Amino acid sequence: MEKPKIIQEAVNLFKTFPSVGPKTAERFVYHLLKNQNLLEQFIKILEELKTKIVKCRYCNNFSETDPCNRCVDESKNPKLLCVVEKYQDVYAVEKAGFNGVYYVLSDIINPLEGKMPQSLNLDMLVERIQNVPSYMQPEEIIIAVGLTTEGELTSQYIVEYLKTKNINVKLSRIACGLPSGADIEYADPQTLSFAIKNRIKI
């Protein structure tokens, strides 16, 4: 016996979520159907997501306001611009104590997934660097994308692209090294090499 068409369509939608397989998607749908109050809340919050959330003109992050609260926060240092891959990365970097501002790429170069350099839409990043009030123009751009093959490819492309646009600000990349509490004996050669190369003066 087949599921009702609407239920199957709902399952198919949940399956498009990251890391959600068919069984999990099915459990989500039936859980909502068994809990009508939760279903009503879910419908309400989705409507609010659609109507009340916008993208900030400066950082490209999702927000209830444009510009977002973070970009207009006077306690932040607008001269330090951190470029991150995902929206969630903003909160991770902030928890690490970074007090500058951000720009969210929302994608990185990954040829296997069909994501080419054009997917980055770096013209928006150039706009963020150049066409903002003088007090917001960065003196340093920190590229904080993942330390993966795709991340390195993306980082190198961003650097070369900004050079073609005559962006004359300091460019830096987050360092790669040993995690806190790591035993050197078990570190892989690449990680240990980066840790030594990016050593700090004490």
N, C-alpha and C. Protein backbone atom coordinates (compact mmCIF):
# COMPACT_ATOMS: atom_id res chain seq x y z
N MET A 1 0.85 -1.20 0.00
CA MET A 1 0.00 0.00 0.00
C MET A 1 0.88 1.24 0.00
N GLU A 2 0.63 2.15 -0.91
CA GLU A 2 1.44 3.36 -1.02
C GLU A 2 0.98 4.42 -0.02
N LYS A 3 1.93 5.26 0.36
CA LYS A 3 1.60 6.38 1.23
C LYS A 3 0.74 7.38 0.47
N PRO A 4 -0.09 8.17 1.18
CA PRO A 4 -0.78 9.27 0.52
C PRO A 4 0.22 10.19 -0.18
N LYS A 5 -0.16 10.73 -1.30
CA LYS A 5 0.75 11.52 -2.12
C LYS A 5 1.36 12.69 -1.35
N ILE A 6 0.54 13.37 -0.55
CA ILE A 6 1.03 14.55 0.18
C ILE A 6 2.09 14.15 1.20
N ILE A 7 1.87 13.02 1.87
CA ILE A 7 2.86 12.54 2.84
C ILE A 7 4.17 12.22 2.14
N GLN A 8 4.10 11.55 1.01
CA GLN A 8 5.31 11.21 0.27
C GLN A 8 6.04 12.46 -0.20
N GLU A 9 5.30 13.47 -0.62
CA GLU A 9 5.92 14.73 -1.04
C GLU A 9 6.63 15.41 0.13
N ALA A 10 6.01 15.32 1.32
CA ALA A 10 6.65 15.90 2.51
C ALA A 10 7.92 15.13 2.85
N VAL A 11 7.86 13.81 2.75
CA VAL A 11 9.05 12.98 2.98
C VAL A 11 10.16 13.36 2.00
N ASN A 12 9.79 13.52 0.74
CA ASN A 12 10.78 13.88 -0.28
C ASN A 12 11.44 15.22 0.01
N LEU A 13 10.67 16.16 0.56
CA LEU A 13 11.25 17.46 0.92
C LEU A 13 12.27 17.31 2.05
N PHE A 14 11.90 16.55 3.08
CA PHE A 14 12.83 16.36 4.19
C PHE A 14 14.09 15.63 3.73
N LYS A 15 13.97 14.76 2.75
CA LYS A 15 15.14 14.03 2.24
C LYS A 15 16.16 14.96 1.59
N THR A 16 15.73 16.15 1.18
CA THR A 16 16.67 17.09 0.57
C THR A 16 17.54 17.79 1.61
N PHE A 17 17.21 17.64 2.90
CA PHE A 17 18.00 18.25 3.96
C PHE A 17 19.33 17.50 4.10
N PRO A 18 20.40 18.21 4.49
CA PRO A 18 21.71 17.55 4.68
C PRO A 18 21.61 16.43 5.71
N SER A 19 22.19 15.30 5.37
CA SER A 19 22.31 14.14 6.28
C SER A 19 20.98 13.51 6.66
N VAL A 20 19.89 13.82 5.96
CA VAL A 20 18.60 13.21 6.26
C VAL A 20 18.27 12.17 5.20
N GLY A 21 18.19 10.91 5.62
CA GLY A 21 17.87 9.82 4.71
C GLY A 21 16.37 9.56 4.66
N PRO A 22 15.94 8.59 3.85
CA PRO A 22 14.50 8.30 3.69
C PRO A 22 13.79 7.95 4.99
N LYS A 23 14.41 7.12 5.82
CA LYS A 23 13.76 6.70 7.07
C LYS A 23 13.61 7.86 8.05
N THR A 24 14.67 8.65 8.16
CA THR A 24 14.61 9.81 9.06
C THR A 24 13.58 10.81 8.57
N ALA A 25 13.53 11.05 7.26
CA ALA A 25 12.56 11.97 6.68
C ALA A 25 11.14 11.50 6.98
N GLU A 26 10.93 10.20 6.87
CA GLU A 26 9.61 9.62 7.14
C GLU A 26 9.23 9.81 8.61
N ARG A 27 10.19 9.61 9.50
CA ARG A 27 9.91 9.80 10.94
C ARG A 27 9.54 11.24 11.23
N PHE A 28 10.24 12.19 10.59
CA PHE A 28 9.92 13.61 10.78
C PHE A 28 8.47 13.90 10.41
N VAL A 29 8.05 13.41 9.25
CA VAL A 29 6.70 13.71 8.76
C VAL A 29 5.64 13.12 9.69
N TYR A 30 5.81 11.86 10.08
CA TYR A 30 4.80 11.24 10.95
C TYR A 30 4.82 11.85 12.35
N HIS A 31 5.96 12.30 12.80
CA HIS A 31 6.05 12.98 14.10
C HIS A 31 5.24 14.28 14.06
N LEU A 32 5.36 15.02 12.96
CA LEU A 32 4.58 16.26 12.82
C LEU A 32 3.08 15.96 12.74
N LEU A 33 2.74 14.90 12.01
CA LEU A 33 1.32 14.56 11.88
C LEU A 33 0.71 14.12 13.22
N LYS A 34 1.51 13.46 14.05
CA LYS A 34 1.01 13.01 15.36
C LYS A 34 0.94 14.14 16.38
N ASN A 35 1.66 15.25 16.10
CA ASN A 35 1.71 16.37 17.04
C ASN A 35 1.25 17.64 16.32
N GLN A 36 -0.06 17.83 16.32
CA GLN A 36 -0.64 18.93 15.55
C GLN A 36 -0.17 20.31 16.03
N ASN A 37 0.02 20.47 17.33
CA ASN A 37 0.52 21.76 17.84
C ASN A 37 1.91 22.05 17.30
N LEU A 38 2.74 21.01 17.28
CA LEU A 38 4.09 21.16 16.73
C LEU A 38 4.02 21.48 15.24
N LEU A 39 3.11 20.83 14.54
CA LEU A 39 2.94 21.10 13.10
C LEU A 39 2.55 22.55 12.87
N GLU A 40 1.64 23.08 13.70
CA GLU A 40 1.24 24.48 13.57
C GLU A 40 2.42 25.41 13.83
N GLN A 41 3.22 25.10 14.85
CA GLN A 41 4.40 25.92 15.14
C GLN A 41 5.39 25.87 13.98
N PHE A 42 5.53 24.67 13.42
CA PHE A 42 6.46 24.48 12.30
C PHE A 42 6.02 25.32 11.10
N ILE A 43 4.72 25.29 10.80
CA ILE A 43 4.19 26.09 9.69
C ILE A 43 4.42 27.57 9.95
N LYS A 44 4.18 28.01 11.18
CA LYS A 44 4.32 29.43 11.54
C LYS A 44 5.77 29.90 11.40
N ILE A 45 6.69 29.09 11.92
CA ILE A 45 8.10 29.52 11.87
C ILE A 45 8.64 29.49 10.46
N LEU A 46 8.17 28.56 9.63
CA LEU A 46 8.60 28.54 8.23
C LEU A 46 8.10 29.78 7.49
N GLU A 47 6.89 30.19 7.79
CA GLU A 47 6.34 31.40 7.17
C GLU A 47 7.15 32.63 7.59
N GLU A 48 7.55 32.66 8.87
CA GLU A 48 8.36 33.78 9.35
C GLU A 48 9.76 33.76 8.73
N LEU A 49 10.32 32.56 8.54
CA LEU A 49 11.60 32.46 7.87
C LEU A 49 11.53 33.06 6.46
N LYS A 50 10.41 32.78 5.80
CA LYS A 50 10.22 33.25 4.43
C LYS A 50 10.03 34.76 4.36
N THR A 51 9.28 35.32 5.31
CA THR A 51 8.88 36.73 5.21
C THR A 51 9.75 37.70 6.01
N LYS A 52 10.42 37.21 7.05
CA LYS A 52 11.12 38.13 7.96
C LYS A 52 12.64 38.05 7.90
N ILE A 53 13.17 37.00 7.29
CA ILE A 53 14.63 36.86 7.23
C ILE A 53 15.14 37.36 5.89
N VAL A 54 16.17 38.22 5.95
CA VAL A 54 16.77 38.80 4.74
C VAL A 54 18.27 38.57 4.79
N LYS A 55 18.94 38.91 3.70
CA LYS A 55 20.40 38.85 3.69
C LYS A 55 20.98 40.24 3.92
N CYS A 56 21.98 40.29 4.78
CA CYS A 56 22.65 41.56 5.06
C CYS A 56 23.44 42.01 3.83
N ARG A 57 23.33 43.28 3.49
CA ARG A 57 24.01 43.81 2.29
C ARG A 57 25.53 43.80 2.45
N TYR A 58 26.01 43.77 3.67
CA TYR A 58 27.45 43.84 3.90
C TYR A 58 28.11 42.48 4.07
N CYS A 59 27.50 41.62 4.91
CA CYS A 59 28.17 40.35 5.23
C CYS A 59 27.57 39.15 4.50
N ASN A 60 26.42 39.35 3.85
CA ASN A 60 25.78 38.26 3.11
C ASN A 60 25.22 37.18 4.02
N ASN A 61 25.11 37.48 5.32
CA ASN A 61 24.55 36.52 6.27
C ASN A 61 23.06 36.75 6.41
N PHE A 62 22.33 35.75 6.89
CA PHE A 62 20.91 35.89 7.13
C PHE A 62 20.66 36.68 8.40
N SER A 63 19.65 37.53 8.36
CA SER A 63 19.37 38.40 9.50
C SER A 63 17.93 38.87 9.46
N GLU A 64 17.47 39.42 10.58
CA GLU A 64 16.14 40.03 10.61
C GLU A 64 16.19 41.49 10.16
N THR A 65 17.40 42.03 10.04
CA THR A 65 17.56 43.42 9.62
C THR A 65 18.64 43.52 8.54
N ASP A 66 18.58 44.59 7.77
CA ASP A 66 19.61 44.86 6.76
C ASP A 66 19.99 46.34 6.85
N PRO A 67 21.23 46.64 7.29
CA PRO A 67 22.32 45.74 7.67
C PRO A 67 21.99 44.97 8.96
N CYS A 68 22.72 43.90 9.16
CA CYS A 68 22.50 43.08 10.35
C CYS A 68 23.10 43.75 11.59
N ASN A 69 22.70 43.26 12.76
CA ASN A 69 23.18 43.84 14.02
C ASN A 69 24.69 43.73 14.17
N ARG A 70 25.26 42.65 13.65
CA ARG A 70 26.70 42.44 13.80
C ARG A 70 27.50 43.47 13.00
N CYS A 71 27.02 43.79 11.80
CA CYS A 71 27.75 44.73 10.94
C CYS A 71 27.70 46.17 11.44
N VAL A 72 26.68 46.49 12.23
CA VAL A 72 26.56 47.86 12.75
C VAL A 72 26.96 47.95 14.22
N ASP A 73 27.43 46.84 14.76
CA ASP A 73 27.85 46.81 16.16
C ASP A 73 29.16 47.59 16.31
N GLU A 74 29.13 48.68 17.05
CA GLU A 74 30.31 49.54 17.19
C GLU A 74 31.42 48.90 18.00
N SER A 75 31.12 47.80 18.70
CA SER A 75 32.16 47.12 19.47
C SER A 75 33.01 46.21 18.58
N LYS A 76 32.56 45.97 17.35
CA LYS A 76 33.32 45.14 16.41
C LYS A 76 34.35 46.00 15.68
N ASN A 77 35.45 45.36 15.28
CA ASN A 77 36.51 46.05 14.54
C ASN A 77 36.25 45.91 13.04
N PRO A 78 35.76 46.95 12.37
CA PRO A 78 35.42 46.85 10.95
C PRO A 78 36.64 46.74 10.04
N LYS A 79 37.83 46.95 10.60
CA LYS A 79 39.05 46.88 9.79
C LYS A 79 39.53 45.44 9.59
N LEU A 80 38.95 44.51 10.34
CA LEU A 80 39.28 43.08 10.19
C LEU A 80 38.08 42.37 9.57
N LEU A 81 38.23 41.91 8.34
CA LEU A 81 37.14 41.23 7.64
C LEU A 81 37.48 39.76 7.48
N CYS A 82 36.66 38.90 8.07
CA CYS A 82 36.88 37.46 8.03
C CYS A 82 35.94 36.84 7.00
N VAL A 83 36.52 36.18 5.98
CA VAL A 83 35.72 35.53 4.94
C VAL A 83 35.55 34.07 5.30
N VAL A 84 34.29 33.64 5.48
CA VAL A 84 34.00 32.27 5.86
C VAL A 84 33.17 31.58 4.78
N GLU A 85 33.14 30.27 4.85
CA GLU A 85 32.42 29.48 3.84
C GLU A 85 30.93 29.44 4.10
N LYS A 86 30.54 29.06 5.33
CA LYS A 86 29.14 28.81 5.65
C LYS A 86 28.61 29.80 6.68
N TYR A 87 27.30 29.94 6.71
CA TYR A 87 26.66 30.84 7.66
C TYR A 87 26.97 30.42 9.09
N GLN A 88 27.01 29.11 9.34
CA GLN A 88 27.29 28.61 10.69
C GLN A 88 28.70 28.95 11.14
N ASP A 89 29.62 29.14 10.19
CA ASP A 89 31.01 29.42 10.53
C ASP A 89 31.18 30.75 11.26
N VAL A 90 30.27 31.69 11.00
CA VAL A 90 30.34 32.99 11.67
C VAL A 90 30.30 32.80 13.18
N TYR A 91 29.38 31.95 13.64
CA TYR A 91 29.21 31.75 15.08
C TYR A 91 30.39 30.97 15.66
N ALA A 92 30.93 30.04 14.89
CA ALA A 92 32.09 29.28 15.37
C ALA A 92 33.30 30.18 15.54
N VAL A 93 33.56 31.05 14.55
CA VAL A 93 34.70 31.96 14.62
C VAL A 93 34.52 32.96 15.75
N GLU A 94 33.29 33.43 15.92
CA GLU A 94 33.02 34.40 16.99
C GLU A 94 33.25 33.79 18.37
N LYS A 95 32.86 32.52 18.52
CA LYS A 95 33.08 31.83 19.79
C LYS A 95 34.56 31.71 20.10
N ALA A 96 35.39 31.71 19.05
CA ALA A 96 36.84 31.59 19.23
C ALA A 96 37.46 32.92 19.66
N GLY A 97 36.64 33.99 19.75
CA GLY A 97 37.14 35.26 20.25
C GLY A 97 37.41 36.32 19.19
N PHE A 98 37.10 36.03 17.93
CA PHE A 98 37.32 37.02 16.86
C PHE A 98 36.36 38.19 17.05
N ASN A 99 36.88 39.41 16.92
CA ASN A 99 36.07 40.59 17.18
C ASN A 99 35.94 41.49 15.95
N GLY A 100 36.18 40.94 14.77
CA GLY A 100 36.03 41.72 13.56
C GLY A 100 34.65 41.51 12.95
N VAL A 101 34.57 41.72 11.64
CA VAL A 101 33.31 41.53 10.91
C VAL A 101 33.50 40.41 9.89
N TYR A 102 32.43 40.06 9.19
CA TYR A 102 32.45 38.85 8.37
C TYR A 102 31.92 39.08 6.96
N TYR A 103 32.29 38.13 6.09
CA TYR A 103 31.62 37.99 4.80
C TYR A 103 31.43 36.50 4.56
N VAL A 104 30.19 36.09 4.26
CA VAL A 104 29.88 34.67 4.06
C VAL A 104 29.83 34.35 2.57
N LEU A 105 30.68 33.43 2.15
CA LEU A 105 30.69 33.02 0.74
C LEU A 105 29.45 32.20 0.40
N SER A 106 29.06 31.34 1.31
CA SER A 106 27.94 30.39 1.19
C SER A 106 28.25 29.21 0.28
N ASP A 107 29.44 29.18 -0.30
CA ASP A 107 29.87 28.05 -1.13
C ASP A 107 31.38 28.08 -1.28
N ILE A 108 31.98 26.94 -1.65
CA ILE A 108 33.39 26.91 -2.01
C ILE A 108 33.53 26.14 -3.32
N ILE A 109 34.69 26.22 -3.92
CA ILE A 109 34.93 25.54 -5.18
C ILE A 109 35.01 24.03 -4.93
N ASN A 110 34.20 23.28 -5.66
CA ASN A 110 34.20 21.82 -5.55
C ASN A 110 33.77 21.24 -6.90
N PRO A 111 34.74 21.05 -7.81
CA PRO A 111 34.41 20.58 -9.17
C PRO A 111 33.60 19.29 -9.20
N LEU A 112 33.83 18.39 -8.23
CA LEU A 112 33.10 17.12 -8.21
C LEU A 112 31.60 17.32 -7.98
N GLU A 113 31.25 18.45 -7.34
CA GLU A 113 29.84 18.76 -7.10
C GLU A 113 29.34 19.83 -8.07
N GLY A 114 30.17 20.14 -9.07
CA GLY A 114 29.75 21.13 -10.06
C GLY A 114 29.84 22.56 -9.59
N LYS A 115 30.58 22.79 -8.49
CA LYS A 115 30.71 24.14 -7.96
C LYS A 115 32.03 24.73 -8.44
N MET A 116 31.95 25.61 -9.41
CA MET A 116 33.11 26.20 -10.04
C MET A 116 33.35 27.60 -9.46
N PRO A 117 34.46 28.24 -9.82
CA PRO A 117 34.76 29.58 -9.27
C PRO A 117 33.62 30.58 -9.42
N GLN A 118 32.84 30.47 -10.49
CA GLN A 118 31.74 31.40 -10.70
C GLN A 118 30.68 31.28 -9.59
N SER A 119 30.64 30.12 -8.94
CA SER A 119 29.65 29.91 -7.88
C SER A 119 29.91 30.81 -6.68
N LEU A 120 31.14 31.30 -6.54
CA LEU A 120 31.50 32.10 -5.38
C LEU A 120 30.91 33.50 -5.42
N ASN A 121 30.61 34.01 -6.62
CA ASN A 121 30.08 35.37 -6.77
C ASN A 121 30.95 36.38 -6.02
N LEU A 122 32.22 36.40 -6.36
CA LEU A 122 33.17 37.26 -5.65
C LEU A 122 32.99 38.74 -5.94
N ASP A 123 32.19 39.08 -6.95
CA ASP A 123 31.92 40.50 -7.19
C ASP A 123 31.23 41.13 -5.98
N MET A 124 30.41 40.33 -5.28
CA MET A 124 29.75 40.83 -4.08
C MET A 124 30.76 41.10 -2.97
N LEU A 125 31.80 40.25 -2.91
CA LEU A 125 32.85 40.47 -1.92
C LEU A 125 33.62 41.75 -2.24
N VAL A 126 33.92 41.96 -3.51
CA VAL A 126 34.61 43.19 -3.93
C VAL A 126 33.77 44.41 -3.56
N GLU A 127 32.46 44.31 -3.78
CA GLU A 127 31.55 45.41 -3.40
C GLU A 127 31.66 45.68 -1.91
N ARG A 128 31.71 44.59 -1.13
CA ARG A 128 31.79 44.74 0.33
C ARG A 128 33.09 45.40 0.75
N ILE A 129 34.14 45.18 0.01
CA ILE A 129 35.44 45.76 0.37
C ILE A 129 35.55 47.21 -0.06
N GLN A 130 35.07 47.50 -1.26
CA GLN A 130 35.30 48.82 -1.85
C GLN A 130 34.17 49.82 -1.65
N ASN A 131 32.94 49.37 -1.86
CA ASN A 131 31.82 50.30 -1.88
C ASN A 131 31.06 50.34 -0.56
N VAL A 132 31.81 50.64 0.49
CA VAL A 132 31.23 50.80 1.82
C VAL A 132 31.79 52.09 2.41
N PRO A 133 31.16 52.63 3.45
CA PRO A 133 31.73 53.82 4.10
C PRO A 133 33.18 53.58 4.49
N SER A 134 33.98 54.63 4.48
CA SER A 134 35.42 54.50 4.70
C SER A 134 35.77 53.79 6.01
N TYR A 135 34.96 54.02 7.05
CA TYR A 135 35.27 53.40 8.33
C TYR A 135 35.06 51.88 8.30
N MET A 136 34.35 51.39 7.28
CA MET A 136 34.10 49.95 7.15
C MET A 136 35.06 49.26 6.20
N GLN A 137 35.89 50.01 5.51
CA GLN A 137 36.81 49.41 4.55
C GLN A 137 37.91 48.66 5.30
N PRO A 138 38.08 47.37 5.02
CA PRO A 138 39.01 46.56 5.80
C PRO A 138 40.48 46.87 5.52
N GLU A 139 41.29 46.67 6.53
CA GLU A 139 42.74 46.77 6.38
C GLU A 139 43.36 45.38 6.26
N GLU A 140 42.62 44.37 6.72
CA GLU A 140 43.08 42.99 6.58
C GLU A 140 41.88 42.09 6.29
N ILE A 141 42.07 41.17 5.35
CA ILE A 141 41.05 40.19 5.03
C ILE A 141 41.58 38.82 5.41
N ILE A 142 40.90 38.17 6.33
CA ILE A 142 41.31 36.84 6.80
C ILE A 142 40.43 35.80 6.12
N ILE A 143 41.04 34.91 5.35
CA ILE A 143 40.29 33.87 4.67
C ILE A 143 40.21 32.65 5.60
N ALA A 144 39.00 32.37 6.08
CA ALA A 144 38.81 31.31 7.07
C ALA A 144 37.89 30.23 6.54
N VAL A 145 38.27 29.66 5.39
CA VAL A 145 37.51 28.52 4.86
C VAL A 145 38.21 27.24 5.29
N GLY A 146 37.53 26.12 5.14
CA GLY A 146 38.05 24.84 5.64
C GLY A 146 39.44 24.49 5.12
N LEU A 147 40.19 23.81 5.95
CA LEU A 147 41.55 23.39 5.59
C LEU A 147 41.51 22.06 4.86
N THR A 148 40.80 22.07 3.74
CA THR A 148 40.64 20.90 2.89
C THR A 148 41.20 21.24 1.51
N THR A 149 41.23 20.25 0.63
CA THR A 149 41.68 20.51 -0.74
C THR A 149 40.81 21.57 -1.39
N GLU A 150 39.46 21.44 -1.20
CA GLU A 150 38.53 22.41 -1.77
C GLU A 150 38.71 23.78 -1.13
N GLY A 151 38.97 23.79 0.17
CA GLY A 151 39.18 25.05 0.87
C GLY A 151 40.44 25.76 0.41
N GLU A 152 41.51 24.99 0.20
CA GLU A 152 42.76 25.58 -0.28
C GLU A 152 42.59 26.13 -1.69
N LEU A 153 41.89 25.39 -2.54
CA LEU A 153 41.63 25.84 -3.90
C LEU A 153 40.83 27.14 -3.89
N THR A 154 39.81 27.19 -3.04
CA THR A 154 38.98 28.38 -2.91
C THR A 154 39.79 29.57 -2.40
N SER A 155 40.60 29.32 -1.39
CA SER A 155 41.43 30.37 -0.80
C SER A 155 42.38 30.98 -1.83
N GLN A 156 43.05 30.11 -2.59
CA GLN A 156 43.99 30.60 -3.61
C GLN A 156 43.27 31.39 -4.69
N TYR A 157 42.08 30.92 -5.07
CA TYR A 157 41.33 31.62 -6.11
C TYR A 157 40.89 33.01 -5.63
N ILE A 158 40.46 33.10 -4.37
CA ILE A 158 40.04 34.39 -3.82
C ILE A 158 41.20 35.37 -3.84
N VAL A 159 42.38 34.91 -3.42
CA VAL A 159 43.56 35.78 -3.40
C VAL A 159 43.87 36.29 -4.80
N GLU A 160 43.89 35.39 -5.78
CA GLU A 160 44.20 35.79 -7.15
C GLU A 160 43.13 36.73 -7.72
N TYR A 161 41.88 36.45 -7.39
CA TYR A 161 40.79 37.28 -7.90
C TYR A 161 40.86 38.70 -7.34
N LEU A 162 41.13 38.80 -6.04
CA LEU A 162 41.22 40.12 -5.42
C LEU A 162 42.39 40.92 -5.98
N LYS A 163 43.47 40.21 -6.34
CA LYS A 163 44.61 40.90 -6.95
C LYS A 163 44.23 41.50 -8.30
N THR A 164 43.41 40.77 -9.06
CA THR A 164 42.99 41.29 -10.38
C THR A 164 42.09 42.52 -10.22
N LYS A 165 41.48 42.67 -9.06
CA LYS A 165 40.60 43.82 -8.81
C LYS A 165 41.33 44.94 -8.07
N ASN A 166 42.67 44.79 -7.97
CA ASN A 166 43.50 45.81 -7.31
C ASN A 166 43.07 46.09 -5.87
N ILE A 167 42.74 45.02 -5.15
CA ILE A 167 42.41 45.15 -3.73
C ILE A 167 43.72 45.17 -2.95
N ASN A 168 44.13 46.33 -2.53
CA ASN A 168 45.43 46.47 -1.87
C ASN A 168 45.29 46.49 -0.36
N VAL A 169 44.88 45.36 0.20
CA VAL A 169 44.82 45.21 1.64
C VAL A 169 45.56 43.94 2.02
N LYS A 170 45.92 43.82 3.27
CA LYS A 170 46.62 42.63 3.74
C LYS A 170 45.69 41.43 3.65
N LEU A 171 46.19 40.34 3.06
CA LEU A 171 45.43 39.09 2.96
C LEU A 171 46.10 38.02 3.80
N SER A 172 45.32 37.32 4.58
CA SER A 172 45.90 36.25 5.41
C SER A 172 44.96 35.05 5.40
N ARG A 173 45.51 33.93 5.82
CA ARG A 173 44.78 32.65 5.84
C ARG A 173 44.91 32.08 7.23
N ILE A 174 43.84 31.48 7.75
CA ILE A 174 43.95 30.88 9.08
C ILE A 174 45.01 29.79 9.04
N ALA A 175 45.75 29.67 10.14
CA ALA A 175 46.83 28.69 10.21
C ALA A 175 46.27 27.30 10.44
N CYS A 176 47.03 26.33 10.01
CA CYS A 176 46.67 24.93 10.23
C CYS A 176 47.74 24.32 11.12
N GLY A 177 47.33 23.68 12.19
CA GLY A 177 48.33 23.10 13.08
C GLY A 177 47.72 22.03 13.97
N LEU A 178 48.41 21.70 15.04
CA LEU A 178 47.95 20.66 15.95
C LEU A 178 46.82 21.18 16.83
N PRO A 179 45.77 20.39 17.02
CA PRO A 179 44.71 20.80 17.94
C PRO A 179 45.21 20.78 19.37
N SER A 180 44.55 21.55 20.23
CA SER A 180 44.95 21.60 21.64
C SER A 180 44.88 20.21 22.27
N GLY A 181 45.94 19.85 22.98
CA GLY A 181 45.98 18.56 23.65
C GLY A 181 46.45 17.40 22.78
N ALA A 182 46.84 17.72 21.52
CA ALA A 182 47.24 16.65 20.61
C ALA A 182 48.63 16.12 20.94
N ASP A 183 48.84 14.84 20.70
CA ASP A 183 50.14 14.20 20.90
C ASP A 183 50.89 14.23 19.57
N ILE A 184 52.10 14.82 19.58
CA ILE A 184 52.88 14.96 18.35
C ILE A 184 53.15 13.60 17.70
N GLU A 185 53.31 12.58 18.52
CA GLU A 185 53.62 11.25 18.01
C GLU A 185 52.58 10.75 17.00
N TYR A 186 51.33 11.15 17.22
CA TYR A 186 50.25 10.64 16.38
C TYR A 186 49.78 11.64 15.31
N ALA A 187 50.48 12.76 15.21
CA ALA A 187 50.10 13.76 14.20
C ALA A 187 50.55 13.31 12.82
N ASP A 188 49.70 13.58 11.81
CA ASP A 188 50.12 13.24 10.45
C ASP A 188 51.15 14.25 9.97
N PRO A 189 52.02 13.88 9.02
CA PRO A 189 53.11 14.75 8.58
C PRO A 189 52.65 16.12 8.07
N GLN A 190 51.52 16.18 7.35
CA GLN A 190 51.06 17.46 6.81
C GLN A 190 50.66 18.41 7.93
N THR A 191 49.93 17.89 8.91
CA THR A 191 49.51 18.73 10.03
C THR A 191 50.72 19.22 10.81
N LEU A 192 51.68 18.32 11.06
CA LEU A 192 52.86 18.70 11.82
C LEU A 192 53.70 19.71 11.05
N SER A 193 53.78 19.56 9.73
CA SER A 193 54.52 20.50 8.89
C SER A 193 53.89 21.90 8.98
N PHE A 194 52.58 21.96 8.89
CA PHE A 194 51.89 23.25 9.00
C PHE A 194 52.11 23.86 10.38
N ALA A 195 52.06 23.01 11.42
CA ALA A 195 52.23 23.51 12.78
C ALA A 195 53.61 24.15 12.96
N ILE A 196 54.62 23.53 12.38
CA ILE A 196 55.98 24.07 12.48
C ILE A 196 56.12 25.34 11.64
N LYS A 197 55.58 25.30 10.44
CA LYS A 197 55.66 26.46 9.53
C LYS A 197 54.96 27.68 10.12
N ASN A 198 53.83 27.44 10.80
CA ASN A 198 53.05 28.55 11.33
C ASN A 198 53.30 28.74 12.83
N ARG A 199 54.51 28.43 13.27
CA ARG A 199 54.86 28.61 14.68
C ARG A 199 54.79 30.09 15.06
N ILE A 200 54.58 30.33 16.35
CA ILE A 200 54.52 31.72 16.83
C ILE A 200 55.66 31.99 17.79
N LYS A 201 56.05 33.24 17.86
CA LYS A 201 57.15 33.65 18.73
C LYS A 201 56.66 33.67 20.18
N ILE A 202 57.51 33.18 21.11
CA ILE A 202 57.14 33.21 22.54
C ILE A 202 58.23 33.90 23.33
